[in-house]
């Protein structure tokens, strides 16, 4: 009877959709909540100006089983020959479309002020200075936005504060990678990485303040550097949403546009209710045939039917 209930519940679900979606081509557009620090959306940022910078990043999708530490070492050597130093950054600095297309496992930023052409000179084997990295299956070069922040907290014991923050782990969870600098009566924490929302910046201030035994308002947030060109986030266009096609591509249809999926007339409510009794009858017969009690009942019914048939008359 469980199968019967399951079948009927499936039929009911088809008839209770009040606002069915219109037919569309196979594939789903995945939208991420705007302003979130989770996923690929750009968070709400007012800590901008010199605190937000444009950096050129090389995103790499490695070959299967590649040693990323060895690859990074080779890239550092190649960058040194070009008088550049590479900085590892989270792949989440990349725009959603590039993340979806490339699925990178490694992202490195070249120094501030360097250009897309400088990055291609390093990674493109076709260039004069470029090297062939066998561990790289695919790569791309992109200009991205990063937060370049300095959190400062006054303290008579910067070493103790730094140790307390490390033990708690809140900055590792929120920032991932950061640098701690000990001053005479101040602790500085610098961060370069994906954009942080205002809420996340505030949570970092609270975490630092808790370790230092001070109020969050005493923890200042400033640009990591006061030179160069910053970014006004109010003027930045929103990244385009990424479309994720989860449909299976058949070999004979590769390269062809997806055909619209027409709405089937057999999914209408009257058809479902007309079909339900037949489905119930079939499933009941199946249950009778596969269970011992059901088979015994069928044998008794067959014996009764055969005994009720009159024999030949003399």
Protein backbone atom coordinates (compact mmCIF):
# COMPACT_ATOMS: atom_id res chain seq x y z
CA UNK A 1 0.00 0.00 0.00
CA UNK A 2 3.04 2.26 0.43
CA UNK A 3 3.58 2.15 -3.33
CA UNK A 4 -0.04 3.07 -3.89
CA UNK A 5 0.19 6.04 -1.54
CA UNK A 6 3.43 7.17 -3.16
CA UNK A 7 1.95 6.99 -6.65
CA UNK A 8 -1.15 8.93 -5.66
CA UNK A 9 0.87 11.58 -3.84
CA UNK A 10 2.95 12.09 -6.99
CA UNK A 11 -0.19 12.55 -9.06
CA UNK A 12 -1.60 15.06 -6.57
CA UNK A 13 1.57 17.17 -6.70
CA UNK A 14 1.03 17.73 -10.40
CA UNK A 15 -2.39 19.25 -9.84
CA UNK A 16 -1.68 21.57 -6.90
CA UNK A 17 0.81 23.90 -8.59
CA UNK A 18 -0.99 27.23 -8.62
CA UNK A 19 1.44 29.18 -10.80
CA UNK A 20 3.24 26.77 -13.11
CA UNK A 21 6.34 28.13 -14.81
CA UNK A 22 6.08 28.76 -18.54
CA UNK A 23 7.82 26.32 -20.87
CA UNK A 24 11.48 27.13 -21.49
CA UNK A 25 14.60 25.64 -22.98
CA UNK A 26 16.40 22.95 -21.01
CA UNK A 27 18.78 24.47 -18.48
CA UNK A 28 18.38 26.44 -15.27
CA UNK A 29 19.45 29.98 -14.42
CA UNK A 30 20.95 29.97 -10.92
CA UNK A 31 20.52 33.26 -9.08
CA UNK A 32 22.47 34.14 -5.93
CA UNK A 33 21.04 36.43 -3.30
CA UNK A 34 22.31 39.95 -3.92
CA UNK A 35 24.53 41.53 -1.29
CA UNK A 36 25.47 38.23 0.32
CA UNK A 37 28.92 37.13 1.45
CA UNK A 38 27.90 33.59 0.59
CA UNK A 39 28.20 32.42 -3.00
CA UNK A 40 29.22 34.51 -5.98
CA UNK A 41 27.26 37.71 -5.39
CA UNK A 42 28.97 41.06 -4.72
CA UNK A 43 28.38 42.13 -1.11
CA UNK A 44 27.19 45.54 0.02
CA UNK A 45 30.36 47.62 0.43
CA UNK A 46 30.77 51.15 1.75
CA UNK A 47 34.38 50.68 2.85
CA UNK A 48 35.62 51.72 -0.58
CA UNK A 49 37.77 54.42 -2.13
CA UNK A 50 41.41 53.55 -1.46
CA UNK A 51 40.22 50.50 0.50
CA UNK A 52 39.07 48.85 -2.76
CA UNK A 53 41.59 48.27 -5.55
CA UNK A 54 41.70 46.77 -9.00
CA UNK A 55 44.13 43.88 -9.30
CA UNK A 56 44.98 41.59 -12.18
CA UNK A 57 44.55 37.93 -11.31
CA UNK A 58 45.62 34.76 -13.10
CA UNK A 59 43.03 31.99 -12.57
CA UNK A 60 44.15 28.44 -13.20
CA UNK A 61 42.30 25.18 -13.71
CA UNK A 62 45.00 22.52 -13.22
CA UNK A 63 45.39 19.17 -14.89
CA UNK A 64 44.11 16.11 -13.03
CA UNK A 65 46.32 15.27 -10.08
CA UNK A 66 48.54 18.35 -10.49
CA UNK A 67 50.71 19.40 -7.54
CA UNK A 68 49.55 22.96 -6.90
CA UNK A 69 52.43 23.71 -4.54
CA UNK A 70 54.94 22.70 -7.19
CA UNK A 71 53.04 24.68 -9.83
CA UNK A 72 53.02 27.76 -7.63
CA UNK A 73 56.78 27.43 -7.10
CA UNK A 74 57.34 27.30 -10.86
CA UNK A 75 55.14 30.34 -11.35
CA UNK A 76 57.02 32.25 -8.64
CA UNK A 77 60.30 31.53 -10.44
CA UNK A 78 58.86 32.72 -13.75
CA UNK A 79 57.42 35.84 -12.11
CA UNK A 80 60.78 36.67 -10.49
CA UNK A 81 62.39 36.70 -13.93
CA UNK A 82 59.82 39.34 -14.87
CA UNK A 83 60.50 41.28 -11.64
CA UNK A 84 57.06 40.48 -10.22
CA UNK A 85 55.91 38.91 -6.97
CA UNK A 86 52.74 36.82 -6.92
CA UNK A 87 50.16 36.86 -4.15
CA UNK A 88 47.77 33.96 -3.60
CA UNK A 89 44.16 35.14 -3.42
CA UNK A 90 40.86 33.34 -3.01
CA UNK A 91 39.25 32.27 -6.27
CA UNK A 92 36.06 33.99 -5.04
CA UNK A 93 37.53 37.34 -6.16
CA UNK A 94 36.58 36.29 -9.70
CA UNK A 95 33.27 37.16 -11.32
CA UNK A 96 30.58 34.43 -11.27
CA UNK A 97 30.73 33.84 -15.02
CA UNK A 98 34.47 33.13 -14.94
CA UNK A 99 34.13 30.91 -11.88
CA UNK A 100 31.44 28.86 -13.58
CA UNK A 101 33.27 28.63 -16.90
CA UNK A 102 36.78 27.89 -15.63
CA UNK A 103 36.26 26.26 -12.20
CA UNK A 104 39.74 27.38 -11.09
CA UNK A 105 41.57 25.84 -8.15
CA UNK A 106 44.31 28.45 -7.95
CA UNK A 107 44.29 32.23 -8.30
CA UNK A 108 47.29 34.52 -7.97
CA UNK A 109 47.40 38.31 -8.13
CA UNK A 110 50.26 40.17 -9.77
CA UNK A 111 51.54 43.38 -8.15
CA UNK A 112 49.38 46.49 -8.05
CA UNK A 113 49.88 48.66 -11.10
CA UNK A 114 50.61 45.71 -13.38
CA UNK A 115 48.36 45.10 -16.36
CA UNK A 116 46.57 42.27 -18.10
CA UNK A 117 49.38 42.22 -20.64
CA UNK A 118 51.91 41.72 -17.84
CA UNK A 119 49.97 38.72 -16.58
CA UNK A 120 49.75 37.20 -20.05
CA UNK A 121 53.50 37.60 -20.48
CA UNK A 122 53.89 35.32 -17.49
CA UNK A 123 51.29 32.65 -18.15
CA UNK A 124 50.93 32.57 -21.95
CA UNK A 125 53.45 30.14 -23.49
CA UNK A 126 53.04 31.90 -26.84
CA UNK A 127 54.57 35.10 -25.47
CA UNK A 128 58.29 35.77 -25.53
CA UNK A 129 58.77 35.46 -21.77
CA UNK A 130 55.93 33.00 -21.14
CA UNK A 131 56.58 29.51 -19.87
CA UNK A 132 54.77 26.28 -20.55
CA UNK A 133 53.36 25.00 -17.27
CA UNK A 134 52.41 21.36 -17.78
CA UNK A 135 50.23 21.42 -14.67
CA UNK A 136 47.91 24.03 -16.22
CA UNK A 137 44.95 22.64 -18.16
CA UNK A 138 43.17 26.01 -18.64
CA UNK A 139 43.75 29.55 -17.47
CA UNK A 140 42.32 33.01 -17.73
CA UNK A 141 43.47 36.50 -16.86
CA UNK A 142 41.03 38.99 -15.32
CA UNK A 143 40.89 42.38 -13.67
CA UNK A 144 39.07 42.07 -10.33
CA UNK A 145 38.14 44.14 -7.30
CA UNK A 146 39.76 43.36 -3.96
CA UNK A 147 39.57 44.82 -0.50
CA UNK A 148 42.90 46.24 0.66
CA UNK A 149 42.34 46.91 4.36
CA UNK A 150 44.23 47.73 7.53
CA UNK A 151 42.57 47.05 10.89
CA UNK A 152 44.34 48.80 13.80
CA UNK A 153 43.74 48.25 17.51
CA UNK A 154 45.49 50.10 20.36
CA UNK A 155 46.97 47.75 22.95
CA UNK A 156 49.65 47.72 25.63
CA UNK A 157 50.27 44.05 24.81
CA UNK A 158 50.05 43.52 21.01
CA UNK A 159 51.63 40.08 21.23
CA UNK A 160 49.01 38.86 23.68
CA UNK A 161 46.20 40.31 21.57
CA UNK A 162 47.54 38.62 18.42
CA UNK A 163 47.74 35.28 20.22
CA UNK A 164 44.20 35.66 21.59
CA UNK A 165 42.86 36.44 18.11
CA UNK A 166 44.66 33.45 16.63
CA UNK A 167 43.28 31.13 19.32
CA UNK A 168 39.73 32.30 18.73
CA UNK A 169 40.06 31.90 14.97
CA UNK A 170 37.42 34.46 14.04
CA UNK A 171 39.71 36.29 11.62
CA UNK A 172 40.76 33.07 9.93
CA UNK A 173 37.11 32.22 9.41
CA UNK A 174 36.16 35.69 8.18
CA UNK A 175 39.24 36.71 6.19
CA UNK A 176 41.02 33.49 5.32
CA UNK A 177 44.47 34.98 4.91
CA UNK A 178 45.77 38.08 6.70
CA UNK A 179 49.01 39.56 8.04
CA UNK A 180 49.66 40.66 11.63
CA UNK A 181 52.10 43.49 12.38
CA UNK A 182 53.13 44.23 15.97
CA UNK A 183 53.72 47.86 16.90
CA UNK A 184 54.86 49.36 20.18
CA UNK A 185 51.35 49.97 21.48
CA UNK A 186 49.26 48.90 18.49
CA UNK A 187 48.31 45.80 16.56
CA UNK A 188 47.81 46.08 12.79
CA UNK A 189 46.07 43.43 10.73
CA UNK A 190 46.26 43.82 6.96
CA UNK A 191 44.08 42.01 4.46
CA UNK A 192 43.97 41.79 0.67
CA UNK A 193 41.28 39.57 -0.77
CA UNK A 194 37.65 39.25 -1.86
CA UNK A 195 35.34 42.14 -1.05
CA UNK A 196 33.88 42.04 2.45
CA UNK A 197 30.39 43.24 3.27
CA UNK A 198 29.93 45.99 5.84
CA UNK A 199 28.49 43.42 8.26
CA UNK A 200 31.54 41.20 7.89
CA UNK A 201 33.91 44.14 8.39
CA UNK A 202 32.04 44.97 11.58
CA UNK A 203 32.27 41.36 12.80
CA UNK A 204 36.05 41.49 12.25
CA UNK A 205 36.24 44.70 14.30
CA UNK A 206 34.24 43.03 17.07
CA UNK A 207 36.56 40.01 17.04
CA UNK A 208 39.70 42.16 17.25
CA UNK A 209 38.16 44.29 20.00
CA UNK A 210 37.25 41.23 22.03
CA UNK A 211 40.84 39.97 21.88
CA UNK A 212 42.17 43.41 22.81
CA UNK A 213 39.63 44.04 25.57
CA UNK A 214 38.41 47.28 23.98
CA UNK A 215 35.25 48.58 22.33
CA UNK A 216 34.73 47.76 18.60
CA UNK A 217 34.64 51.49 17.84
CA UNK A 218 38.29 51.74 18.91
CA UNK A 219 39.31 49.38 16.09
CA UNK A 220 39.90 51.55 13.02
CA UNK A 221 39.55 50.48 9.39
CA UNK A 222 41.72 52.24 6.81
CA UNK A 223 43.31 51.63 3.41
CA UNK A 224 46.32 49.37 3.46
CA UNK A 225 48.05 51.98 1.32
CA UNK A 226 47.26 55.68 0.94
CA UNK A 227 48.75 55.92 -2.55
CA UNK A 228 47.39 54.77 -5.87
CA UNK A 229 43.86 54.74 -7.25
CA UNK A 230 40.83 53.47 -5.36
CA UNK A 231 37.36 52.45 -6.50
CA UNK A 232 33.99 54.10 -5.87
CA UNK A 233 31.69 51.09 -5.43
CA UNK A 234 28.58 53.18 -6.10
CA UNK A 235 29.74 53.55 -9.71
CA UNK A 236 30.61 49.90 -10.26
CA UNK A 237 28.20 47.86 -12.42
CA UNK A 238 26.71 44.75 -10.84
CA UNK A 239 28.26 41.49 -12.10
CA UNK A 240 26.11 39.64 -14.60
CA UNK A 241 24.30 36.58 -13.16
CA UNK A 242 25.69 33.22 -14.16
CA UNK A 243 23.50 30.77 -16.10
CA UNK A 244 24.06 27.16 -15.09
CA UNK A 245 22.92 24.65 -17.68
CA UNK A 246 22.25 21.37 -15.90
CA UNK A 247 20.70 19.61 -18.90
CA UNK A 248 22.45 16.61 -20.43
CA UNK A 249 24.00 17.31 -23.82
CA UNK A 250 23.61 14.48 -26.31
CA UNK A 251 26.37 13.93 -28.91
CA UNK A 252 24.07 14.46 -31.85
CA UNK A 253 22.81 17.77 -30.47
CA UNK A 254 26.12 19.28 -29.41
CA UNK A 255 26.50 22.79 -30.72
CA UNK A 256 22.81 23.16 -31.55
CA UNK A 257 20.50 25.54 -29.68
CA UNK A 258 18.31 23.90 -27.09
CA UNK A 259 14.77 23.28 -28.31
CA UNK A 260 11.96 24.68 -26.19
CA UNK A 261 10.25 22.12 -24.00
CA UNK A 262 6.56 22.11 -24.88
CA UNK A 263 4.00 21.71 -22.13
CA UNK A 264 2.51 18.20 -22.28
CA UNK A 265 -1.30 18.01 -22.47
CA UNK A 266 -1.13 14.76 -20.51
CA UNK A 267 -0.15 16.60 -17.35
CA UNK A 268 -3.52 18.34 -17.02
CA UNK A 269 -5.60 17.66 -13.93
CA UNK A 270 -8.42 15.77 -15.66
CA UNK A 271 -5.97 13.30 -17.17
CA UNK A 272 -4.27 12.69 -13.80
CA UNK A 273 -7.55 11.96 -12.05
CA UNK A 274 -8.68 9.70 -14.91
CA UNK A 275 -5.41 7.78 -14.72
CA UNK A 276 -5.35 7.40 -10.92
CA UNK A 277 -7.90 4.48 -10.67
CA UNK A 278 -6.02 2.49 -13.31
CA UNK A 279 -2.73 3.06 -11.53
CA UNK A 280 -4.31 1.99 -8.22
CA UNK A 281 -5.69 -1.21 -9.77
CA UNK A 282 -2.38 -2.15 -11.39
CA UNK A 283 -0.39 -1.53 -8.21
CA UNK A 284 -2.91 -3.54 -6.17
CA UNK A 285 -2.54 -6.53 -8.52
CA UNK A 286 1.23 -6.25 -8.36
CA UNK A 287 1.15 -6.26 -4.55
CA UNK A 288 -1.10 -9.32 -4.56
CA UNK A 289 1.27 -11.18 -6.86
CA UNK A 290 4.49 -10.39 -4.99
CA UNK A 291 3.31 -10.98 -1.39
CA UNK A 292 2.75 -14.54 0.04
CA UNK A 293 -0.68 -13.65 1.37
CA UNK A 294 -1.68 -12.16 -1.96
CA UNK A 295 -0.57 -15.25 -3.89
CA UNK A 296 -2.51 -17.54 -1.51
CA UNK A 297 -5.62 -15.40 -1.98
CA UNK A 298 -5.28 -15.59 -5.77
CA UNK A 299 -4.94 -19.41 -5.61
CA UNK A 300 -8.07 -19.71 -3.46
CA UNK A 301 -9.98 -17.46 -5.87
CA UNK A 302 -8.83 -19.56 -8.85
CA UNK A 303 -9.88 -22.79 -7.05
CA UNK A 304 -13.29 -21.30 -6.23
CA UNK A 305 -13.80 -20.15 -9.83
CA UNK A 306 -12.87 -23.58 -11.24
CA UNK A 307 -15.15 -25.46 -8.82
CA UNK A 308 -18.11 -23.25 -9.75
CA UNK A 309 -17.84 -24.10 -13.46
CA UNK A 310 -20.42 -26.90 -14.29
CA UNK A 311 -18.98 -30.12 -15.75
CA UNK A 312 -20.17 -31.83 -18.95
CA UNK A 313 -23.73 -33.25 -18.79
CA UNK A 314 -24.16 -37.04 -19.31
